[in-house]
Amino acid sequence: MTDKEIQQKILNICKESTEKNPILIFNRIVKNEDVLIPIHGPIHHVVDGAAFLTAFFNAGGKINLEESFWELCNRAEKMPGGMCGHWGVCGAVTSVAASLSIIEKTGPLSEFDWGNHILYSSKALEKLGKVGGPRCCKRNGYLALEAAIDFVNENINHFGIVLEKDKIECSFSSKNQQCKKENCPFYRGQNESK
């Protein structure tokens, strides 16, 4: 399956979603057997932002979901795998921050203040930094999206929407050879189900 075919399948899942919780959308995408998202890898740079964009749209955010999704894909293609260990910034956070930029229609020379994206990134990266490595694209996605939910909800006057949030429990630890187990905030133990 080509990258474009995978991206189209992700978009189809997003368009069928009604959830206002990006974590639920993220899980729907990464658990979909038709898409086959690997446990790690740069496809998460699309998945994380797509889940956020979709929840934002479902909560009443004024965006064109399909156009925003394809713009995110264009930006995600420029993000290499392993950013967490090689660059000191995680692709999950970068994906969600890129989505914020798309939502607010900002760029490097925007007259509108793009500082929101930097503030979000700093808060999300602090969460990731405290948990530390090794890599886990699922854990980092959860942390990035959890920070995004808090960020949007704390800035309701700016964004005009509220995102939903539930307790997160990971069901991927048995598939991740580098899982931190009890040192991960989302670990739920050996009795995992799909």
C-alpha atoms as a PDB file:
ATOM      1  CA  MET A   1       0.000   0.000   0.000  1.00  0.00           C
ATOM      2  CA  THR A   2       1.387   3.434  -0.938  1.00  0.00           C
ATOM      3  CA  ASP A   3       1.657   6.356   1.486  1.00  0.00           C
ATOM      4  CA  LYS A   4      -1.189   8.135  -0.344  1.00  0.00           C
ATOM      5  CA  GLU A   5      -3.422   5.067  -0.041  1.00  0.00           C
ATOM      6  CA  ILE A   6      -2.710   4.840   3.698  1.00  0.00           C
ATOM      7  CA  GLN A   7      -3.365   8.571   4.080  1.00  0.00           C
ATOM      8  CA  GLN A   8      -6.668   8.228   2.218  1.00  0.00           C
ATOM      9  CA  LYS A   9      -7.729   5.392   4.538  1.00  0.00           C
ATOM     10  CA  ILE A  10      -6.838   7.552   7.550  1.00  0.00           C
ATOM     11  CA  LEU A  11      -8.876  10.428   6.110  1.00  0.00           C
ATOM     12  CA  ASN A  12     -11.842   8.101   5.549  1.00  0.00           C
ATOM     13  CA  ILE A  13     -11.742   7.039   9.206  1.00  0.00           C
ATOM     14  CA  CYS A  14     -11.560  10.689  10.265  1.00  0.00           C
ATOM     15  CA  LYS A  15     -14.516  11.673   8.082  1.00  0.00           C
ATOM     16  CA  GLU A  16     -16.637   8.885   9.604  1.00  0.00           C
ATOM     17  CA  SER A  17     -15.786   9.966  13.153  1.00  0.00           C
ATOM     18  CA  THR A  18     -18.083  12.014  15.367  1.00  0.00           C
ATOM     19  CA  GLU A  19     -15.900  12.016  18.507  1.00  0.00           C
ATOM     20  CA  LYS A  20     -14.689  15.223  20.120  1.00  0.00           C
ATOM     21  CA  ASN A  21     -11.877  13.354  21.864  1.00  0.00           C
ATOM     22  CA  PRO A  22      -8.729  13.080  19.713  1.00  0.00           C
ATOM     23  CA  ILE A  23      -7.487  10.082  21.731  1.00  0.00           C
ATOM     24  CA  LEU A  24     -10.532   8.039  20.682  1.00  0.00           C
ATOM     25  CA  ILE A  25      -9.953   9.022  17.055  1.00  0.00           C
ATOM     26  CA  PHE A  26      -6.241   8.186  17.347  1.00  0.00           C
ATOM     27  CA  ASN A  27      -7.116   4.735  18.716  1.00  0.00           C
ATOM     28  CA  ARG A  28      -9.690   4.173  15.996  1.00  0.00           C
ATOM     29  CA  ILE A  29      -7.031   4.870  13.347  1.00  0.00           C
ATOM     30  CA  VAL A  30      -4.133   2.903  14.837  1.00  0.00           C
ATOM     31  CA  LYS A  31      -6.305  -0.121  15.675  1.00  0.00           C
ATOM     32  CA  ASN A  32      -7.957  -0.282  12.261  1.00  0.00           C
ATOM     33  CA  GLU A  33      -6.850  -3.523  10.622  1.00  0.00           C
ATOM     34  CA  ASP A  34      -7.452  -2.100   7.154  1.00  0.00           C
ATOM     35  CA  VAL A  35      -4.848   0.641   7.664  1.00  0.00           C
ATOM     36  CA  LEU A  36      -2.109  -1.403   9.391  1.00  0.00           C
ATOM     37  CA  ILE A  37      -0.334   1.381  11.293  1.00  0.00           C
ATOM     38  CA  PRO A  38       2.958  -0.017  12.659  1.00  0.00           C
ATOM     39  CA  ILE A  39       3.821   0.283  16.354  1.00  0.00           C
ATOM     40  CA  HIS A  40       6.435   2.977  15.508  1.00  0.00           C
ATOM     41  CA  GLY A  41       7.181   5.147  12.513  1.00  0.00           C
ATOM     42  CA  PRO A  42       6.661   8.461  10.770  1.00  0.00           C
ATOM     43  CA  ILE A  43       3.068   7.654   9.713  1.00  0.00           C
ATOM     44  CA  HIS A  44       2.263   8.783  13.257  1.00  0.00           C
ATOM     45  CA  HIS A  45       3.215  12.299  12.141  1.00  0.00           C
ATOM     46  CA  VAL A  46       0.010  12.141  10.099  1.00  0.00           C
ATOM     47  CA  VAL A  47      -2.116  10.134  12.565  1.00  0.00           C
ATOM     48  CA  ASP A  48      -1.559  12.395  15.591  1.00  0.00           C
ATOM     49  CA  GLY A  49      -2.393  15.640  13.821  1.00  0.00           C
ATOM     50  CA  ALA A  50      -5.267  14.029  11.912  1.00  0.00           C
ATOM     51  CA  ALA A  51      -6.863  12.861  15.169  1.00  0.00           C
ATOM     52  CA  PHE A  52      -6.529  16.378  16.566  1.00  0.00           C
ATOM     53  CA  LEU A  53      -7.900  18.085  13.446  1.00  0.00           C
ATOM     54  CA  THR A  54     -10.856  15.702  13.380  1.00  0.00           C
ATOM     55  CA  ALA A  55     -11.758  16.215  17.043  1.00  0.00           C
ATOM     56  CA  PHE A  56     -11.413  19.971  16.563  1.00  0.00           C
ATOM     57  CA  PHE A  57     -13.761  19.831  13.556  1.00  0.00           C
ATOM     58  CA  ASN A  58     -16.240  17.555  15.338  1.00  0.00           C
ATOM     59  CA  ALA A  59     -16.319  19.941  18.311  1.00  0.00           C
ATOM     60  CA  GLY A  60     -17.417  22.781  16.036  1.00  0.00           C
ATOM     61  CA  GLY A  61     -14.065  24.151  14.900  1.00  0.00           C
ATOM     62  CA  LYS A  62     -14.368  26.105  11.668  1.00  0.00           C
ATOM     63  CA  ILE A  63     -12.030  24.236   9.335  1.00  0.00           C
ATOM     64  CA  ASN A  64     -12.308  22.300   6.115  1.00  0.00           C
ATOM     65  CA  LEU A  65     -11.317  18.880   7.434  1.00  0.00           C
ATOM     66  CA  GLU A  66     -10.263  17.354   4.135  1.00  0.00           C
ATOM     67  CA  GLU A  67      -8.155  20.343   3.022  1.00  0.00           C
ATOM     68  CA  SER A  68      -6.581  20.576   6.480  1.00  0.00           C
ATOM     69  CA  PHE A  69      -5.795  16.860   6.455  1.00  0.00           C
ATOM     70  CA  TRP A  70      -3.991  16.984   3.107  1.00  0.00           C
ATOM     71  CA  GLU A  71      -2.015  20.044   4.187  1.00  0.00           C
ATOM     72  CA  LEU A  72      -0.982  18.126   7.306  1.00  0.00           C
ATOM     73  CA  CYS A  73       0.142  15.217   5.105  1.00  0.00           C
ATOM     74  CA  ASN A  74       2.290  17.611   3.041  1.00  0.00           C
ATOM     75  CA  ARG A  75       3.948  18.909   6.187  1.00  0.00           C
ATOM     76  CA  ALA A  76       4.309  15.464   7.780  1.00  0.00           C
ATOM     77  CA  GLU A  77       6.239  14.196   4.773  1.00  0.00           C
ATOM     78  CA  LYS A  78       9.015  16.615   5.751  1.00  0.00           C
ATOM     79  CA  MET A  79       9.282  15.186   9.298  1.00  0.00           C
ATOM     80  CA  PRO A  80      11.802  12.329   9.522  1.00  0.00           C
ATOM     81  CA  GLY A  81      11.384   9.328  11.763  1.00  0.00           C
ATOM     82  CA  GLY A  82      13.332   9.322  15.014  1.00  0.00           C
ATOM     83  CA  MET A  83      12.953  13.055  15.641  1.00  0.00           C
ATOM     84  CA  CYS A  84      12.571  12.352  19.369  1.00  0.00           C
ATOM     85  CA  GLY A  85      16.043  10.861  19.698  1.00  0.00           C
ATOM     86  CA  HIS A  86      17.862  12.738  16.954  1.00  0.00           C
ATOM     87  CA  TRP A  87      16.359  16.232  17.059  1.00  0.00           C
ATOM     88  CA  GLY A  88      15.102  16.705  20.602  1.00  0.00           C
ATOM     89  CA  VAL A  89      11.546  17.290  19.422  1.00  0.00           C
ATOM     90  CA  CYS A  90       8.909  14.611  18.960  1.00  0.00           C
ATOM     91  CA  GLY A  91       7.007  14.104  15.718  1.00  0.00           C
ATOM     92  CA  ALA A  92       3.778  13.656  17.689  1.00  0.00           C
ATOM     93  CA  VAL A  93       4.077  17.152  19.137  1.00  0.00           C
ATOM     94  CA  THR A  94       5.205  18.578  15.804  1.00  0.00           C
ATOM     95  CA  SER A  95       2.223  16.979  14.059  1.00  0.00           C
ATOM     96  CA  VAL A  96      -0.274  18.502  16.486  1.00  0.00           C
ATOM     97  CA  ALA A  97       1.508  21.864  16.413  1.00  0.00           C
ATOM     98  CA  ALA A  98       1.384  21.793  12.605  1.00  0.00           C
ATOM     99  CA  SER A  99      -2.360  21.151  12.916  1.00  0.00           C
ATOM    100  CA  LEU A 100      -2.700  24.214  15.152  1.00  0.00           C
ATOM    101  CA  SER A 101      -0.868  26.224  12.499  1.00  0.00           C
ATOM    102  CA  ILE A 102      -3.237  24.915   9.827  1.00  0.00           C
ATOM    103  CA  ILE A 103      -6.272  25.725  11.984  1.00  0.00           C
ATOM    104  CA  GLU A 104      -5.059  29.262  12.608  1.00  0.00           C
ATOM    105  CA  LYS A 105      -3.688  29.721   9.072  1.00  0.00           C
ATOM    106  CA  THR A 106      -0.295  30.894  10.272  1.00  0.00           C
ATOM    107  CA  GLY A 107       3.149  30.715   8.703  1.00  0.00           C
ATOM    108  CA  PRO A 108       6.612  32.043   9.493  1.00  0.00           C
ATOM    109  CA  LEU A 109       5.724  35.612   8.415  1.00  0.00           C
ATOM    110  CA  SER A 110       2.145  35.696   9.653  1.00  0.00           C
ATOM    111  CA  GLU A 111       0.951  38.947  11.100  1.00  0.00           C
ATOM    112  CA  PHE A 112      -1.185  36.839  13.415  1.00  0.00           C
ATOM    113  CA  ASP A 113       0.833  35.645  16.410  1.00  0.00           C
ATOM    114  CA  TRP A 114       1.993  32.076  15.878  1.00  0.00           C
ATOM    115  CA  GLY A 115       3.163  31.909  19.486  1.00  0.00           C
ATOM    116  CA  ASN A 116       0.259  29.610  20.380  1.00  0.00           C
ATOM    117  CA  HIS A 117       1.934  26.748  18.547  1.00  0.00           C
ATOM    118  CA  ILE A 118       5.201  27.325  20.362  1.00  0.00           C
ATOM    119  CA  LEU A 119       3.439  27.485  23.742  1.00  0.00           C
ATOM    120  CA  TYR A 120       1.585  24.266  23.009  1.00  0.00           C
ATOM    121  CA  SER A 121       4.796  22.576  21.863  1.00  0.00           C
ATOM    122  CA  SER A 122       6.709  23.623  24.970  1.00  0.00           C
ATOM    123  CA  LYS A 123       3.988  22.254  27.264  1.00  0.00           C
ATOM    124  CA  ALA A 124       3.689  19.000  25.325  1.00  0.00           C
ATOM    125  CA  LEU A 125       7.458  18.510  25.063  1.00  0.00           C
ATOM    126  CA  GLU A 126       7.782  19.039  28.802  1.00  0.00           C
ATOM    127  CA  LYS A 127       5.323  16.175  29.353  1.00  0.00           C
ATOM    128  CA  LEU A 128       7.258  13.946  26.962  1.00  0.00           C
ATOM    129  CA  GLY A 129      10.594  14.947  28.455  1.00  0.00           C
ATOM    130  CA  LYS A 130       9.490  13.992  31.951  1.00  0.00           C
ATOM    131  CA  VAL A 131       8.444  10.524  30.775  1.00  0.00           C
ATOM    132  CA  GLY A 132      11.564  10.107  28.640  1.00  0.00           C
ATOM    133  CA  GLY A 133      12.548   7.419  26.156  1.00  0.00           C
ATOM    134  CA  PRO A 134      13.014   5.041  24.557  1.00  0.00           C
ATOM    135  CA  ARG A 135      10.736   5.664  21.613  1.00  0.00           C
ATOM    136  CA  CYS A 136       7.075   4.828  21.724  1.00  0.00           C
ATOM    137  CA  CYS A 137       4.935   6.455  19.064  1.00  0.00           C
ATOM    138  CA  LYS A 138       1.725   5.436  20.840  1.00  0.00           C
ATOM    139  CA  ARG A 139       2.752   6.875  24.237  1.00  0.00           C
ATOM    140  CA  ASN A 140       4.085  10.054  22.637  1.00  0.00           C
ATOM    141  CA  GLY A 141       0.893  10.416  20.608  1.00  0.00           C
ATOM    142  CA  TYR A 142      -1.185  10.081  23.760  1.00  0.00           C
ATOM    143  CA  LEU A 143       0.963  12.645  25.589  1.00  0.00           C
ATOM    144  CA  ALA A 144       0.884  15.098  22.680  1.00  0.00           C
ATOM    145  CA  LEU A 145      -2.888  14.796  22.272  1.00  0.00           C
ATOM    146  CA  GLU A 146      -3.534  14.990  26.010  1.00  0.00           C
ATOM    147  CA  ALA A 147      -1.530  18.229  26.093  1.00  0.00           C
ATOM    148  CA  ALA A 148      -3.475  19.500  23.053  1.00  0.00           C
ATOM    149  CA  ILE A 149      -6.824  18.803  24.720  1.00  0.00           C
ATOM    150  CA  ASP A 150      -5.725  20.727  27.810  1.00  0.00           C
ATOM    151  CA  PHE A 151      -4.285  23.550  25.706  1.00  0.00           C
ATOM    152  CA  VAL A 152      -7.452  24.042  23.647  1.00  0.00           C
ATOM    153  CA  ASN A 153      -9.741  23.772  26.661  1.00  0.00           C
ATOM    154  CA  GLU A 154      -7.651  26.252  28.667  1.00  0.00           C
ATOM    155  CA  ASN A 155      -7.894  28.677  25.728  1.00  0.00           C
ATOM    156  CA  ILE A 156     -11.612  28.312  25.021  1.00  0.00           C
ATOM    157  CA  ASN A 157     -11.979  32.057  24.419  1.00  0.00           C
ATOM    158  CA  HIS A 158      -9.466  31.803  21.612  1.00  0.00           C
ATOM    159  CA  PHE A 159     -10.503  28.498  20.015  1.00  0.00           C
ATOM    160  CA  GLY A 160     -14.232  28.611  20.811  1.00  0.00           C
ATOM    161  CA  ILE A 161     -14.557  24.852  21.299  1.00  0.00           C
ATOM    162  CA  VAL A 162     -14.149  22.225  24.009  1.00  0.00           C
ATOM    163  CA  LEU A 163     -12.476  18.877  23.404  1.00  0.00           C
ATOM    164  CA  GLU A 164     -13.404  15.795  25.415  1.00  0.00           C
ATOM    165  CA  LYS A 165     -10.915  13.864  27.519  1.00  0.00           C
ATOM    166  CA  ASP A 166     -11.036  10.452  29.187  1.00  0.00           C
ATOM    167  CA  LYS A 167      -8.568   8.282  31.057  1.00  0.00           C
ATOM    168  CA  ILE A 168      -6.043   6.766  28.657  1.00  0.00           C
ATOM    169  CA  GLU A 169      -5.054   3.117  28.858  1.00  0.00           C
ATOM    170  CA  CYS A 170      -2.599   1.718  26.339  1.00  0.00           C
ATOM    171  CA  SER A 171      -3.259  -1.622  24.701  1.00  0.00           C
ATOM    172  CA  PHE A 172      -0.014  -1.735  22.710  1.00  0.00           C
ATOM    173  CA  SER A 173       2.659  -2.578  25.303  1.00  0.00           C
ATOM    174  CA  SER A 174       2.856  -6.260  24.365  1.00  0.00           C
ATOM    175  CA  LYS A 175       3.674  -5.201  20.775  1.00  0.00           C
ATOM    176  CA  ASN A 176       6.390  -2.715  21.770  1.00  0.00           C
ATOM    177  CA  GLN A 177       9.750  -4.269  22.629  1.00  0.00           C
ATOM    178  CA  GLN A 178      10.874  -0.966  24.183  1.00  0.00           C
ATOM    179  CA  CYS A 179       7.782  -0.487  26.369  1.00  0.00           C
ATOM    180  CA  LYS A 180       8.574   1.212  29.679  1.00  0.00           C
ATOM    181  CA  LYS A 181       5.807  -0.866  31.333  1.00  0.00           C
ATOM    182  CA  GLU A 182       5.100   0.535  34.823  1.00  0.00           C
ATOM    183  CA  ASN A 183       7.150   3.651  33.994  1.00  0.00           C
ATOM    184  CA  CYS A 184       4.630   4.658  31.328  1.00  0.00           C
ATOM    185  CA  PRO A 185       1.625   6.690  32.511  1.00  0.00           C
ATOM    186  CA  PHE A 186      -0.676   4.704  30.196  1.00  0.00           C
ATOM    187  CA  TYR A 187       0.510   1.151  30.920  1.00  0.00           C
ATOM    188  CA  ARG A 188      -2.290  -1.163  31.968  1.00  0.00           C
ATOM    189  CA  GLY A 189      -0.449  -4.435  32.485  1.00  0.00           C
ATOM    190  CA  GLN A 190      -0.140  -7.838  30.920  1.00  0.00           C
ATOM    191  CA  ASN A 191      -3.855  -8.538  30.441  1.00  0.00           C
ATOM    192  CA  GLU A 192      -4.296  -6.386  27.382  1.00  0.00           C
ATOM    193  CA  SER A 193      -7.072  -6.712  24.884  1.00  0.00           C
ATOM    194  CA  LYS A 194      -7.420  -5.211  21.410  1.00  0.00           C
END
